Amino acid sequence: MLEIHHRNVLIFAMISASVLLFCQAIGFWINNTIPQNTTLELTRLVHFTHLRNFGGVFGLAQGSGWLFSLISIGLLLGVSAYLIVNPALERYEYICFGFVVGGGASNIADRLIYGSVIDFIDIQHIPFWNYVFNTADVMIHTGIWPLLILNFLLSKQAISRESNHR
């Protein structure tokens, strides 16, 4: 059991580090290739628009990036500690949280390196959507949504099995 836990923690660490490096490499490329506040049109639907976010999610609280960094650091440390000390988790949880922690760490790294988060993915022609985001945000969602869906489905199955045994 302990060997499986160590393997899962290693998987979590490798995914987190890979996501962090991948997101930072893309941000570095954007920063050095596309001038701020300009757009590179890839397709009619997808543009790369180099913007800086000095606030938090959806650009809220501009100028308070430091606060979001502190909160994020606390959350990432808490999630990492939870995964390290809890051997009863499923492998998918380590994998999903690896994406979340790697993406969150990349946004923190952006704030430390550049003083703001580099956002650039600009999806056009979607009604009521005018947000620009980055690969770290995509990675966070890549981890969160499967985690939520799997936990919901698996908990419903456990409840169903429990009620069938009564």
C-alpha atoms as a PDB file:
ATOM      1  CA  MET A   1       0.000   0.000   0.000  1.00  0.00           C
ATOM      2  CA  LEU A   2       2.805   2.398   0.907  1.00  0.00           C
ATOM      3  CA  GLU A   3       4.622   1.680  -2.365  1.00  0.00           C
ATOM      4  CA  ILE A   4       1.464   2.571  -4.340  1.00  0.00           C
ATOM      5  CA  HIS A   5       1.145   5.807  -2.352  1.00  0.00           C
ATOM      6  CA  HIS A   6       4.761   6.752  -3.093  1.00  0.00           C
ATOM      7  CA  ARG A   7       4.211   6.000  -6.786  1.00  0.00           C
ATOM      8  CA  ASN A   8       1.075   8.179  -6.799  1.00  0.00           C
ATOM      9  CA  VAL A   9       2.925  11.043  -5.098  1.00  0.00           C
ATOM     10  CA  LEU A  10       5.684  10.710  -7.716  1.00  0.00           C
ATOM     11  CA  ILE A  11       3.073  10.820 -10.515  1.00  0.00           C
ATOM     12  CA  PHE A  12       1.564  13.947  -8.922  1.00  0.00           C
ATOM     13  CA  ALA A  13       4.995  15.601  -8.668  1.00  0.00           C
ATOM     14  CA  MET A  14       5.938  14.720 -12.270  1.00  0.00           C
ATOM     15  CA  ILE A  15       2.652  16.016 -13.679  1.00  0.00           C
ATOM     16  CA  SER A  16       2.862  19.205 -11.591  1.00  0.00           C
ATOM     17  CA  ALA A  17       6.440  19.887 -12.707  1.00  0.00           C
ATOM     18  CA  SER A  18       5.700  19.061 -16.364  1.00  0.00           C
ATOM     19  CA  VAL A  19       2.641  21.314 -16.449  1.00  0.00           C
ATOM     20  CA  LEU A  20       4.590  24.129 -14.773  1.00  0.00           C
ATOM     21  CA  LEU A  21       7.456  23.854 -17.274  1.00  0.00           C
ATOM     22  CA  PHE A  22       5.110  23.547 -20.280  1.00  0.00           C
ATOM     23  CA  CYS A  23       3.062  26.598 -19.271  1.00  0.00           C
ATOM     24  CA  GLN A  24       6.162  28.645 -18.497  1.00  0.00           C
ATOM     25  CA  ALA A  25       7.741  27.751 -21.854  1.00  0.00           C
ATOM     26  CA  ILE A  26       4.632  28.894 -23.722  1.00  0.00           C
ATOM     27  CA  GLY A  27       4.405  32.082 -21.644  1.00  0.00           C
ATOM     28  CA  PHE A  28       8.080  32.787 -22.341  1.00  0.00           C
ATOM     29  CA  TRP A  29       7.453  32.306 -26.075  1.00  0.00           C
ATOM     30  CA  ILE A  30       4.403  34.606 -26.004  1.00  0.00           C
ATOM     31  CA  ASN A  31       6.306  37.249 -24.020  1.00  0.00           C
ATOM     32  CA  ASN A  32       9.212  37.221 -26.486  1.00  0.00           C
ATOM     33  CA  THR A  33       7.228  36.825 -29.709  1.00  0.00           C
ATOM     34  CA  ILE A  34       4.007  38.844 -29.460  1.00  0.00           C
ATOM     35  CA  PRO A  35       4.230  42.418 -28.175  1.00  0.00           C
ATOM     36  CA  GLN A  36       1.860  43.265 -25.331  1.00  0.00           C
ATOM     37  CA  ASN A  37      -1.632  44.380 -26.352  1.00  0.00           C
ATOM     38  CA  THR A  38      -1.259  42.983 -29.868  1.00  0.00           C
ATOM     39  CA  THR A  39      -2.925  40.007 -31.511  1.00  0.00           C
ATOM     40  CA  LEU A  40      -1.750  37.166 -33.691  1.00  0.00           C
ATOM     41  CA  GLU A  41      -4.709  35.643 -35.542  1.00  0.00           C
ATOM     42  CA  LEU A  42      -4.264  31.876 -35.786  1.00  0.00           C
ATOM     43  CA  THR A  43      -7.727  31.149 -37.171  1.00  0.00           C
ATOM     44  CA  ARG A  44     -10.951  33.109 -37.416  1.00  0.00           C
ATOM     45  CA  LEU A  45     -11.897  31.597 -34.043  1.00  0.00           C
ATOM     46  CA  VAL A  46      -8.575  31.482 -32.155  1.00  0.00           C
ATOM     47  CA  HIS A  47      -6.289  34.458 -31.639  1.00  0.00           C
ATOM     48  CA  PHE A  48      -3.242  34.910 -29.445  1.00  0.00           C
ATOM     49  CA  THR A  49      -3.671  38.307 -27.775  1.00  0.00           C
ATOM     50  CA  HIS A  50      -0.833  39.141 -25.377  1.00  0.00           C
ATOM     51  CA  LEU A  51      -2.382  40.754 -22.301  1.00  0.00           C
ATOM     52  CA  ARG A  52      -1.212  41.118 -18.717  1.00  0.00           C
ATOM     53  CA  ASN A  53      -3.430  40.328 -15.760  1.00  0.00           C
ATOM     54  CA  PHE A  54      -2.353  42.221 -12.639  1.00  0.00           C
ATOM     55  CA  GLY A  55      -5.303  40.856 -10.669  1.00  0.00           C
ATOM     56  CA  GLY A  56      -7.031  37.536 -10.188  1.00  0.00           C
ATOM     57  CA  VAL A  57      -9.454  35.272 -11.974  1.00  0.00           C
ATOM     58  CA  PHE A  58     -11.303  36.978 -14.847  1.00  0.00           C
ATOM     59  CA  GLY A  59      -9.156  40.055 -14.229  1.00  0.00           C
ATOM     60  CA  LEU A  60     -10.827  40.862 -10.901  1.00  0.00           C
ATOM     61  CA  ALA A  61      -9.111  43.118  -8.358  1.00  0.00           C
ATOM     62  CA  GLN A  62      -6.478  44.536 -10.691  1.00  0.00           C
ATOM     63  CA  GLY A  63      -3.329  45.483  -8.803  1.00  0.00           C
ATOM     64  CA  SER A  64      -3.902  42.791  -6.160  1.00  0.00           C
ATOM     65  CA  GLY A  65      -1.942  40.009  -7.845  1.00  0.00           C
ATOM     66  CA  TRP A  66       0.178  39.656  -4.705  1.00  0.00           C
ATOM     67  CA  LEU A  67      -2.955  38.724  -2.727  1.00  0.00           C
ATOM     68  CA  PHE A  68      -3.925  36.070  -5.256  1.00  0.00           C
ATOM     69  CA  SER A  69      -0.349  34.748  -5.148  1.00  0.00           C
ATOM     70  CA  LEU A  70      -0.492  34.390  -1.357  1.00  0.00           C
ATOM     71  CA  ILE A  71      -3.864  32.647  -1.480  1.00  0.00           C
ATOM     72  CA  SER A  72      -2.675  30.398  -4.323  1.00  0.00           C
ATOM     73  CA  ILE A  73       0.520  29.442  -2.517  1.00  0.00           C
ATOM     74  CA  GLY A  74      -1.497  28.478   0.545  1.00  0.00           C
ATOM     75  CA  LEU A  75      -3.942  26.423  -1.507  1.00  0.00           C
ATOM     76  CA  LEU A  76      -1.222  24.647  -3.476  1.00  0.00           C
ATOM     77  CA  LEU A  77       0.730  23.822  -0.331  1.00  0.00           C
ATOM     78  CA  GLY A  78      -2.466  22.559   1.304  1.00  0.00           C
ATOM     79  CA  VAL A  79      -3.395  20.355  -1.656  1.00  0.00           C
ATOM     80  CA  SER A  80       0.142  18.995  -1.907  1.00  0.00           C
ATOM     81  CA  ALA A  81       0.283  18.209   1.823  1.00  0.00           C
ATOM     82  CA  TYR A  82      -3.138  16.532   1.638  1.00  0.00           C
ATOM     83  CA  LEU A  83      -1.965  14.286  -1.189  1.00  0.00           C
ATOM     84  CA  ILE A  84       1.329  13.441   0.502  1.00  0.00           C
ATOM     85  CA  VAL A  85      -0.130  12.506   3.901  1.00  0.00           C
ATOM     86  CA  ASN A  86      -3.295  10.752   2.708  1.00  0.00           C
ATOM     87  CA  PRO A  87      -2.526   7.273   1.297  1.00  0.00           C
ATOM     88  CA  ALA A  88      -6.207   6.383   0.820  1.00  0.00           C
ATOM     89  CA  LEU A  89      -6.737   8.467  -2.312  1.00  0.00           C
ATOM     90  CA  GLU A  90      -7.308   7.152  -5.806  1.00  0.00           C
ATOM     91  CA  ARG A  91      -4.684   7.550  -8.536  1.00  0.00           C
ATOM     92  CA  TYR A  92      -6.960   9.804 -10.614  1.00  0.00           C
ATOM     93  CA  GLU A  93      -6.957  12.299  -7.716  1.00  0.00           C
ATOM     94  CA  TYR A  94      -3.161  12.555  -7.809  1.00  0.00           C
ATOM     95  CA  ILE A  95      -3.278  12.977 -11.593  1.00  0.00           C
ATOM     96  CA  CYS A  96      -6.019  15.615 -11.559  1.00  0.00           C
ATOM     97  CA  PHE A  97      -4.447  17.568  -8.717  1.00  0.00           C
ATOM     98  CA  GLY A  98      -1.124  17.422 -10.584  1.00  0.00           C
ATOM     99  CA  PHE A  99      -2.692  19.485 -13.380  1.00  0.00           C
ATOM    100  CA  VAL A 100      -4.267  21.909 -10.895  1.00  0.00           C
ATOM    101  CA  VAL A 101      -1.083  22.424  -8.877  1.00  0.00           C
ATOM    102  CA  GLY A 102       1.128  22.735 -11.971  1.00  0.00           C
ATOM    103  CA  GLY A 103      -1.200  25.307 -13.538  1.00  0.00           C
ATOM    104  CA  GLY A 104      -1.552  27.239 -10.295  1.00  0.00           C
ATOM    105  CA  ALA A 105       2.208  27.205  -9.772  1.00  0.00           C
ATOM    106  CA  SER A 106       2.691  28.562 -13.298  1.00  0.00           C
ATOM    107  CA  ASN A 107       0.409  31.525 -12.626  1.00  0.00           C
ATOM    108  CA  ILE A 108       2.323  32.197  -9.399  1.00  0.00           C
ATOM    109  CA  ALA A 109       5.620  31.958 -11.311  1.00  0.00           C
ATOM    110  CA  ASP A 110       4.304  34.468 -13.877  1.00  0.00           C
ATOM    111  CA  ARG A 111       3.550  36.923 -11.089  1.00  0.00           C
ATOM    112  CA  LEU A 112       7.014  36.446  -9.579  1.00  0.00           C
ATOM    113  CA  ILE A 113       8.899  36.616 -12.898  1.00  0.00           C
ATOM    114  CA  TYR A 114       6.864  39.189 -14.861  1.00  0.00           C
ATOM    115  CA  GLY A 115       4.866  40.970 -12.150  1.00  0.00           C
ATOM    116  CA  SER A 116       1.629  39.771 -13.753  1.00  0.00           C
ATOM    117  CA  VAL A 117       0.080  36.735 -15.394  1.00  0.00           C
ATOM    118  CA  ILE A 118       0.626  36.434 -19.152  1.00  0.00           C
ATOM    119  CA  ASP A 119      -2.767  35.769 -20.765  1.00  0.00           C
ATOM    120  CA  PHE A 120      -3.012  35.150 -24.497  1.00  0.00           C
ATOM    121  CA  ILE A 121      -5.639  32.580 -25.555  1.00  0.00           C
ATOM    122  CA  ASP A 122      -8.385  34.679 -27.097  1.00  0.00           C
ATOM    123  CA  ILE A 123     -11.403  32.766 -28.417  1.00  0.00           C
ATOM    124  CA  GLN A 124     -13.508  34.875 -30.772  1.00  0.00           C
ATOM    125  CA  HIS A 125     -17.177  34.847 -31.813  1.00  0.00           C
ATOM    126  CA  ILE A 126     -18.636  33.357 -28.638  1.00  0.00           C
ATOM    127  CA  PRO A 127     -21.599  35.387 -27.370  1.00  0.00           C
ATOM    128  CA  PHE A 128     -21.007  37.069 -23.983  1.00  0.00           C
ATOM    129  CA  TRP A 129     -17.400  35.791 -23.861  1.00  0.00           C
ATOM    130  CA  ASN A 130     -14.555  38.273 -23.962  1.00  0.00           C
ATOM    131  CA  TYR A 131     -11.997  36.656 -21.675  1.00  0.00           C
ATOM    132  CA  VAL A 132      -8.379  36.015 -22.505  1.00  0.00           C
ATOM    133  CA  PHE A 133      -6.676  33.218 -20.574  1.00  0.00           C
ATOM    134  CA  ASN A 134      -3.520  31.106 -20.641  1.00  0.00           C
ATOM    135  CA  THR A 135      -2.381  27.496 -20.735  1.00  0.00           C
ATOM    136  CA  ALA A 136      -2.080  27.399 -16.936  1.00  0.00           C
ATOM    137  CA  ASP A 137      -5.806  28.182 -16.708  1.00  0.00           C
ATOM    138  CA  VAL A 138      -6.500  25.392 -19.198  1.00  0.00           C
ATOM    139  CA  MET A 139      -4.436  22.967 -17.105  1.00  0.00           C
ATOM    140  CA  ILE A 140      -6.292  23.940 -13.933  1.00  0.00           C
ATOM    141  CA  HIS A 141      -9.598  23.185 -15.672  1.00  0.00           C
ATOM    142  CA  THR A 142      -8.119  19.982 -17.114  1.00  0.00           C
ATOM    143  CA  GLY A 143      -7.623  18.823 -13.525  1.00  0.00           C
ATOM    144  CA  ILE A 144     -10.684  20.277 -11.802  1.00  0.00           C
ATOM    145  CA  TRP A 145     -13.482  19.106 -14.109  1.00  0.00           C
ATOM    146  CA  PRO A 146     -12.574  15.393 -14.294  1.00  0.00           C
ATOM    147  CA  LEU A 147     -11.957  15.437 -10.536  1.00  0.00           C
ATOM    148  CA  LEU A 148     -15.403  16.891  -9.851  1.00  0.00           C
ATOM    149  CA  ILE A 149     -17.191  14.631 -12.332  1.00  0.00           C
ATOM    150  CA  LEU A 150     -15.424  11.456 -11.190  1.00  0.00           C
ATOM    151  CA  ASN A 151     -15.992  12.235  -7.514  1.00  0.00           C
ATOM    152  CA  PHE A 152     -19.664  12.941  -8.198  1.00  0.00           C
ATOM    153  CA  LEU A 153     -20.157   9.767 -10.241  1.00  0.00           C
ATOM    154  CA  LEU A 154     -18.198   7.554  -7.862  1.00  0.00           C
ATOM    155  CA  SER A 155     -19.989   8.918  -4.798  1.00  0.00           C
ATOM    156  CA  LYS A 156     -23.363   8.276  -6.487  1.00  0.00           C
ATOM    157  CA  GLN A 157     -22.259   4.699  -7.216  1.00  0.00           C
ATOM    158  CA  ALA A 158     -21.191   4.207  -3.594  1.00  0.00           C
ATOM    159  CA  ILE A 159     -24.522   5.563  -2.344  1.00  0.00           C
ATOM    160  CA  SER A 160     -26.377   3.300  -4.780  1.00  0.00           C
ATOM    161  CA  ARG A 161     -24.392   0.221  -3.663  1.00  0.00           C
ATOM    162  CA  GLU A 162     -24.949   1.112  -0.020  1.00  0.00           C
ATOM    163  CA  SER A 163     -28.711   1.468  -0.482  1.00  0.00           C
ATOM    164  CA  ASN A 164     -28.868  -1.847  -2.373  1.00  0.00           C
ATOM    165  CA  HIS A 165     -27.203  -3.652   0.562  1.00  0.00           C
ATOM    166  CA  ARG A 166     -29.792  -2.488   3.071  1.00  0.00           C
END
